C-alpha cells in the first residue's frame, strides 16, 4: 500500500504518483503484528530441580537429619541423581512451555512442577536408599 506524501491518500502498490496532486507515493511500512513477548521456559525448568533438592533438604532437616546425612547433598552428586535432576528439568520444561507467554499460568505450572517433584522426591528417596 502506497501513501501520498502530500495529501495522505492511500493507493495500491502499482500507483507511484498521486492522481490528485501529482506527488510521489511513499511506501507504507507493513503493519507490525502484535509482538508477543517470548519468555523462555528453560530458566524455569532448570530451577525446578534446584528447588526440589532444597525442599528435600528442608524436609530432611525437619526430620532430624543433619546436613552430612542428607542423601542428596552429603557429597558430590552421584551420576544417578544428576540424571534424575536432568529428567526433572526436561519434564518441567515440557510442562511449563505451553504457558510461557502467560505470566500467571507460567508461575502456576512452575510451582506445580516444584511441588510434584518435591513430594515425589520426599516419598521415594527414603525407599530408594534402603
N, C-alpha and C. Protein backbone atom coordinates (compact mmCIF):
# COMPACT_ATOMS: atom_id res chain seq x y z
N UNK A 1 0.84 -1.16 0.00
CA UNK A 1 0.00 0.00 0.00
C UNK A 1 0.89 1.24 0.00
N UNK A 2 0.61 2.16 -0.91
CA UNK A 2 1.36 3.41 -1.00
C UNK A 2 0.51 4.57 -0.49
N UNK A 3 1.19 5.53 0.09
CA UNK A 3 0.51 6.72 0.63
C UNK A 3 1.10 7.96 -0.01
N UNK A 4 0.23 8.91 -0.35
CA UNK A 4 0.68 10.18 -0.91
C UNK A 4 1.35 10.99 0.19
N UNK A 5 2.55 11.49 -0.09
CA UNK A 5 3.29 12.24 0.93
C UNK A 5 2.69 13.62 1.17
N UNK A 6 1.83 14.09 0.26
CA UNK A 6 1.26 15.43 0.41
C UNK A 6 -0.15 15.37 1.01
N UNK A 7 -1.06 14.62 0.37
CA UNK A 7 -2.45 14.61 0.83
C UNK A 7 -2.79 13.44 1.74
N UNK A 8 -1.95 12.40 1.78
CA UNK A 8 -2.18 11.27 2.67
C UNK A 8 -3.11 10.22 2.11
N UNK A 9 -3.53 10.37 0.85
CA UNK A 9 -4.42 9.37 0.25
C UNK A 9 -3.66 8.05 0.06
N UNK A 10 -4.39 6.94 0.15
CA UNK A 10 -3.77 5.62 0.03
C UNK A 10 -4.20 4.99 -1.29
N UNK A 11 -3.20 4.37 -1.96
CA UNK A 11 -3.44 3.73 -3.25
C UNK A 11 -2.72 2.39 -3.28
N UNK A 12 -3.10 1.51 -4.23
CA UNK A 12 -2.40 0.22 -4.36
C UNK A 12 -0.92 0.43 -4.71
N UNK A 13 -0.16 -0.63 -4.60
CA UNK A 13 1.28 -0.57 -4.83
C UNK A 13 1.64 -0.15 -6.25
N UNK A 14 0.76 -0.41 -7.21
CA UNK A 14 1.07 -0.09 -8.61
C UNK A 14 1.12 1.42 -8.87
N UNK A 15 0.40 2.21 -8.07
CA UNK A 15 0.35 3.67 -8.27
C UNK A 15 1.60 4.27 -7.64
N UNK A 16 2.39 5.01 -8.46
CA UNK A 16 3.62 5.61 -7.95
C UNK A 16 3.51 7.13 -7.82
N UNK A 17 2.52 7.73 -8.50
CA UNK A 17 2.30 9.18 -8.43
C UNK A 17 0.84 9.40 -8.07
N UNK A 18 0.58 10.31 -7.12
CA UNK A 18 -0.78 10.60 -6.69
C UNK A 18 -1.57 11.23 -7.83
N UNK A 19 -2.74 10.66 -8.19
CA UNK A 19 -3.52 11.24 -9.29
C UNK A 19 -4.14 12.59 -8.93
N UNK A 20 -4.20 12.93 -7.66
CA UNK A 20 -4.82 14.20 -7.26
C UNK A 20 -3.82 15.35 -7.34
N UNK A 21 -2.68 15.23 -6.67
CA UNK A 21 -1.72 16.34 -6.61
C UNK A 21 -0.39 16.04 -7.29
N UNK A 22 -0.26 14.91 -7.92
CA UNK A 22 0.91 14.51 -8.71
C UNK A 22 2.23 14.51 -7.93
N UNK A 23 2.18 14.09 -6.67
CA UNK A 23 3.41 13.91 -5.89
C UNK A 23 3.71 12.43 -5.79
N UNK A 24 4.98 12.14 -5.53
CA UNK A 24 5.39 10.73 -5.46
C UNK A 24 4.78 10.06 -4.22
N UNK A 25 4.50 8.79 -4.42
CA UNK A 25 3.94 7.99 -3.32
C UNK A 25 5.07 7.51 -2.40
N UNK A 26 4.73 7.30 -1.17
CA UNK A 26 5.65 6.76 -0.18
C UNK A 26 5.12 5.39 0.23
N UNK A 27 6.01 4.41 0.21
CA UNK A 27 5.57 3.06 0.61
C UNK A 27 5.24 3.06 2.09
N UNK A 28 4.08 2.53 2.38
CA UNK A 28 3.64 2.43 3.76
C UNK A 28 4.28 1.19 4.37
N UNK A 29 4.94 1.32 5.50
CA UNK A 29 5.57 0.14 6.10
C UNK A 29 4.50 -0.88 6.48
N UNK A 30 4.87 -2.11 6.34
CA UNK A 30 3.94 -3.18 6.71
C UNK A 30 3.59 -3.05 8.18
N UNK A 31 2.33 -3.20 8.47
CA UNK A 31 1.90 -3.03 9.86
C UNK A 31 2.50 -4.15 10.69
N UNK A 32 3.21 -3.78 11.73
CA UNK A 32 3.83 -4.82 12.56
C UNK A 32 2.75 -5.58 13.32
N UNK A 33 2.86 -6.88 13.28
CA UNK A 33 1.94 -7.70 14.05
C UNK A 33 2.21 -7.47 15.52
N UNK A 34 1.23 -7.79 16.32
CA UNK A 34 1.43 -7.65 17.75
C UNK A 34 2.63 -8.47 18.17
N UNK A 35 3.54 -7.82 18.82
CA UNK A 35 4.72 -8.54 19.28
C UNK A 35 4.35 -9.31 20.53
N UNK A 36 4.56 -10.59 20.47
CA UNK A 36 4.34 -11.39 21.66
C UNK A 36 5.65 -11.48 22.42
N UNK A 37 5.53 -11.29 23.69
CA UNK A 37 6.75 -11.42 24.48
C UNK A 37 7.10 -12.90 24.53
N UNK A 38 8.28 -13.20 24.11
CA UNK A 38 8.68 -14.60 24.10
C UNK A 38 9.52 -14.88 25.34
N UNK A 39 8.86 -15.44 26.31
CA UNK A 39 9.53 -15.80 27.55
C UNK A 39 9.91 -17.26 27.44
N UNK A 40 11.14 -17.55 27.70
CA UNK A 40 11.61 -18.93 27.60
C UNK A 40 11.25 -19.70 28.87
N UNK A 41 10.90 -20.94 28.68
CA UNK A 41 10.59 -21.81 29.82
C UNK A 41 11.85 -22.47 30.38
N UNK A 42 12.96 -22.31 29.68
CA UNK A 42 14.19 -23.00 30.09
C UNK A 42 14.68 -22.59 31.48
N UNK A 43 14.76 -21.30 31.82
CA UNK A 43 15.22 -20.96 33.18
C UNK A 43 14.31 -21.53 34.26
N UNK A 44 13.01 -21.51 34.00
CA UNK A 44 12.08 -22.07 34.98
C UNK A 44 12.32 -23.57 35.15
N UNK A 45 12.47 -24.26 34.02
CA UNK A 45 12.66 -25.71 34.07
C UNK A 45 13.97 -26.08 34.75
N UNK A 46 15.01 -25.28 34.55
CA UNK A 46 16.30 -25.58 35.17
C UNK A 46 16.28 -25.30 36.68
N UNK A 47 15.40 -24.41 37.11
CA UNK A 47 15.35 -24.06 38.52
C UNK A 47 14.53 -25.07 39.33
N UNK A 48 13.65 -25.82 38.66
CA UNK A 48 12.81 -26.80 39.37
C UNK A 48 13.65 -27.82 40.13
N UNK A 49 14.66 -28.49 39.52
CA UNK A 49 15.43 -29.47 40.29
C UNK A 49 16.16 -28.86 41.48
N UNK A 50 16.59 -27.62 41.34
CA UNK A 50 17.28 -26.94 42.45
C UNK A 50 16.32 -26.79 43.64
N UNK A 51 15.09 -26.37 43.35
CA UNK A 51 14.12 -26.22 44.42
C UNK A 51 13.70 -27.57 44.99
N UNK A 52 13.70 -28.60 44.18
CA UNK A 52 13.38 -29.94 44.68
C UNK A 52 14.45 -30.39 45.67
N UNK A 53 15.71 -30.16 45.34
CA UNK A 53 16.80 -30.50 46.27
C UNK A 53 16.68 -29.69 47.55
N UNK A 54 16.36 -28.41 47.42
CA UNK A 54 16.20 -27.57 48.62
C UNK A 54 15.03 -28.04 49.47
N UNK A 55 13.93 -28.42 48.83
CA UNK A 55 12.77 -28.91 49.59
C UNK A 55 13.10 -30.22 50.29
N UNK A 56 13.84 -31.09 49.61
CA UNK A 56 14.23 -32.36 50.24
C UNK A 56 15.17 -32.10 51.41
N UNK A 57 16.07 -31.15 51.27
CA UNK A 57 16.98 -30.83 52.36
C UNK A 57 16.21 -30.26 53.55
N UNK A 58 15.25 -29.40 53.28
CA UNK A 58 14.45 -28.82 54.36
C UNK A 58 13.64 -29.90 55.08
N UNK A 59 13.07 -30.81 54.32
CA UNK A 59 12.28 -31.89 54.92
C UNK A 59 13.19 -32.80 55.73
N UNK A 60 14.38 -33.08 55.23
CA UNK A 60 15.33 -33.93 55.97
C UNK A 60 15.76 -33.26 57.26
N UNK A 61 15.95 -31.96 57.22
CA UNK A 61 16.35 -31.23 58.43
C UNK A 61 15.24 -31.25 59.47
N UNK A 62 13.99 -31.12 59.00
CA UNK A 62 12.87 -31.17 59.94
C UNK A 62 12.71 -32.57 60.55
N UNK A 63 13.12 -33.58 59.80
CA UNK A 63 13.01 -34.95 60.29
C UNK A 63 14.18 -35.32 61.21
N UNK A 64 15.09 -34.40 61.43
CA UNK A 64 16.20 -34.64 62.35
C UNK A 64 17.50 -35.05 61.70
N UNK A 65 17.56 -35.06 60.41
CA UNK A 65 18.79 -35.42 59.72
C UNK A 65 19.72 -34.22 59.73
N UNK A 66 21.00 -34.49 59.83
CA UNK A 66 21.96 -33.40 59.73
C UNK A 66 22.36 -33.22 58.27
N UNK A 67 23.05 -32.17 58.00
CA UNK A 67 23.49 -31.88 56.63
C UNK A 67 24.35 -33.00 56.07
N UNK A 68 25.18 -33.59 56.93
CA UNK A 68 26.09 -34.64 56.47
C UNK A 68 25.36 -35.94 56.11
N UNK A 69 24.20 -36.15 56.73
CA UNK A 69 23.46 -37.39 56.48
C UNK A 69 22.47 -37.27 55.32
N UNK A 70 22.34 -36.10 54.78
CA UNK A 70 21.37 -35.91 53.70
C UNK A 70 21.87 -36.63 52.46
N UNK A 71 21.02 -37.47 51.92
CA UNK A 71 21.41 -38.31 50.77
C UNK A 71 21.72 -37.48 49.54
N UNK A 72 21.04 -36.35 49.39
CA UNK A 72 21.22 -35.57 48.16
C UNK A 72 22.44 -34.68 48.18
N UNK A 73 22.72 -34.06 49.33
CA UNK A 73 23.80 -33.07 49.31
C UNK A 73 24.93 -33.41 50.27
N UNK A 74 25.10 -34.66 50.62
CA UNK A 74 26.18 -35.04 51.52
C UNK A 74 27.54 -34.90 50.86
N UNK A 75 27.61 -35.11 49.59
CA UNK A 75 28.87 -35.01 48.87
C UNK A 75 28.58 -34.63 47.43
N UNK A 76 29.51 -34.92 46.55
CA UNK A 76 29.24 -34.64 45.14
C UNK A 76 28.04 -35.48 44.67
N UNK A 77 27.27 -34.89 43.78
CA UNK A 77 26.10 -35.61 43.29
C UNK A 77 26.53 -36.85 42.52
N UNK A 78 25.96 -38.00 42.87
CA UNK A 78 26.25 -39.19 42.06
C UNK A 78 25.60 -39.06 40.69
N UNK A 79 26.08 -39.80 39.71
CA UNK A 79 25.53 -39.68 38.36
C UNK A 79 24.03 -39.98 38.29
N UNK A 80 23.55 -40.89 39.16
CA UNK A 80 22.13 -41.20 39.14
C UNK A 80 21.29 -39.99 39.51
N UNK A 81 21.72 -39.25 40.54
CA UNK A 81 20.98 -38.06 40.98
C UNK A 81 21.04 -36.98 39.90
N UNK A 82 22.20 -36.80 39.28
CA UNK A 82 22.31 -35.82 38.21
C UNK A 82 21.40 -36.18 37.04
N UNK A 83 21.30 -37.47 36.73
CA UNK A 83 20.42 -37.91 35.66
C UNK A 83 18.97 -37.63 36.01
N UNK A 84 18.60 -37.93 37.24
CA UNK A 84 17.22 -37.67 37.68
C UNK A 84 16.92 -36.17 37.64
N UNK A 85 17.89 -35.34 38.05
CA UNK A 85 17.68 -33.89 38.00
C UNK A 85 17.51 -33.41 36.56
N UNK A 86 18.26 -34.01 35.64
CA UNK A 86 18.10 -33.67 34.23
C UNK A 86 16.74 -34.07 33.70
N UNK A 87 16.26 -35.23 34.12
CA UNK A 87 14.93 -35.67 33.70
C UNK A 87 13.86 -34.76 34.27
N UNK A 88 14.02 -34.37 35.54
CA UNK A 88 13.07 -33.44 36.16
C UNK A 88 13.04 -32.13 35.38
N UNK A 89 14.21 -31.61 35.01
CA UNK A 89 14.28 -30.36 34.26
C UNK A 89 13.61 -30.52 32.89
N UNK A 90 13.83 -31.63 32.23
CA UNK A 90 13.25 -31.86 30.91
C UNK A 90 11.73 -31.98 30.98
N UNK A 91 11.23 -32.75 31.93
CA UNK A 91 9.78 -32.89 32.09
C UNK A 91 9.17 -31.55 32.47
N UNK A 92 9.84 -30.81 33.35
CA UNK A 92 9.34 -29.49 33.75
C UNK A 92 9.29 -28.54 32.57
N UNK A 93 10.30 -28.60 31.71
CA UNK A 93 10.32 -27.73 30.53
C UNK A 93 9.08 -27.97 29.67
N UNK A 94 8.77 -29.24 29.41
CA UNK A 94 7.61 -29.53 28.57
C UNK A 94 6.29 -29.25 29.29
N UNK A 95 6.29 -29.24 30.61
CA UNK A 95 5.09 -28.89 31.35
C UNK A 95 4.87 -27.39 31.41
N UNK A 96 5.97 -26.61 31.45
CA UNK A 96 5.87 -25.15 31.59
C UNK A 96 5.76 -24.47 30.23
N UNK A 97 6.36 -25.05 29.20
CA UNK A 97 6.45 -24.40 27.89
C UNK A 97 5.12 -23.93 27.31
N UNK A 98 4.01 -24.70 27.40
CA UNK A 98 2.76 -24.19 26.83
C UNK A 98 2.25 -22.92 27.49
N UNK A 99 2.71 -22.64 28.71
CA UNK A 99 2.25 -21.48 29.45
C UNK A 99 3.27 -20.35 29.48
N UNK A 100 4.29 -20.41 28.64
CA UNK A 100 5.41 -19.46 28.73
C UNK A 100 5.00 -18.01 28.51
N UNK A 101 3.99 -17.74 27.69
CA UNK A 101 3.62 -16.35 27.40
C UNK A 101 2.51 -15.82 28.29
N UNK A 102 2.07 -16.60 29.26
CA UNK A 102 1.05 -16.13 30.21
C UNK A 102 1.64 -16.21 31.60
N UNK A 103 1.86 -15.07 32.21
CA UNK A 103 2.61 -15.00 33.46
C UNK A 103 1.99 -15.83 34.58
N UNK A 104 0.71 -15.66 34.84
CA UNK A 104 0.08 -16.38 35.96
C UNK A 104 0.10 -17.88 35.72
N UNK A 105 -0.22 -18.29 34.51
CA UNK A 105 -0.22 -19.72 34.19
C UNK A 105 1.19 -20.30 34.24
N UNK A 106 2.18 -19.51 33.79
CA UNK A 106 3.57 -19.97 33.81
C UNK A 106 4.01 -20.23 35.24
N UNK A 107 3.68 -19.31 36.16
CA UNK A 107 4.07 -19.49 37.55
C UNK A 107 3.32 -20.65 38.19
N UNK A 108 2.05 -20.82 37.82
CA UNK A 108 1.28 -21.95 38.36
C UNK A 108 1.89 -23.28 37.90
N UNK A 109 2.26 -23.36 36.63
CA UNK A 109 2.88 -24.58 36.11
C UNK A 109 4.23 -24.82 36.78
N UNK A 110 5.00 -23.75 36.97
CA UNK A 110 6.31 -23.85 37.61
C UNK A 110 6.17 -24.38 39.04
N UNK A 111 5.26 -23.77 39.81
CA UNK A 111 5.08 -24.19 41.19
C UNK A 111 4.49 -25.59 41.28
N UNK A 112 3.64 -25.94 40.33
CA UNK A 112 3.10 -27.31 40.30
C UNK A 112 4.21 -28.32 40.09
N UNK A 113 5.13 -28.02 39.20
CA UNK A 113 6.27 -28.92 38.97
C UNK A 113 7.12 -29.04 40.23
N UNK A 114 7.38 -27.92 40.88
CA UNK A 114 8.21 -27.94 42.09
C UNK A 114 7.54 -28.78 43.17
N UNK A 115 6.26 -28.56 43.40
CA UNK A 115 5.55 -29.30 44.44
C UNK A 115 5.48 -30.79 44.09
N UNK A 116 5.13 -31.10 42.84
CA UNK A 116 5.01 -32.50 42.44
C UNK A 116 6.33 -33.24 42.60
N UNK A 117 7.40 -32.68 42.07
CA UNK A 117 8.68 -33.38 42.14
C UNK A 117 9.25 -33.38 43.55
N UNK A 118 8.95 -32.36 44.35
CA UNK A 118 9.41 -32.35 45.74
C UNK A 118 8.73 -33.46 46.53
N UNK A 119 7.42 -33.58 46.37
CA UNK A 119 6.70 -34.64 47.07
C UNK A 119 7.18 -36.00 46.59
N UNK A 120 7.39 -36.12 45.31
CA UNK A 120 7.89 -37.39 44.76
C UNK A 120 9.26 -37.74 45.35
N UNK A 121 10.15 -36.74 45.42
CA UNK A 121 11.50 -36.99 45.97
C UNK A 121 11.43 -37.34 47.45
N UNK A 122 10.59 -36.64 48.18
CA UNK A 122 10.50 -36.89 49.63
C UNK A 122 9.92 -38.27 49.89
N UNK A 123 8.99 -38.70 49.05
CA UNK A 123 8.37 -40.02 49.24
C UNK A 123 9.26 -41.16 48.73
N UNK A 124 9.95 -40.95 47.62
CA UNK A 124 10.69 -42.06 47.00
C UNK A 124 12.12 -42.21 47.48
N UNK A 125 12.81 -41.12 47.81
CA UNK A 125 14.22 -41.24 48.16
C UNK A 125 14.49 -42.12 49.39
N UNK A 126 13.69 -42.04 50.45
CA UNK A 126 13.98 -42.95 51.56
C UNK A 126 13.83 -44.42 51.15
N UNK A 127 12.89 -44.71 50.29
CA UNK A 127 12.69 -46.10 49.85
C UNK A 127 13.81 -46.55 48.93
N UNK A 128 14.34 -45.62 48.13
CA UNK A 128 15.45 -45.96 47.23
C UNK A 128 16.76 -46.14 48.00
N UNK A 129 16.88 -45.46 49.15
CA UNK A 129 18.11 -45.54 49.93
C UNK A 129 18.22 -46.86 50.69
N UNK A 130 17.11 -47.57 50.85
CA UNK A 130 17.14 -48.83 51.62
C UNK A 130 17.88 -49.91 50.90
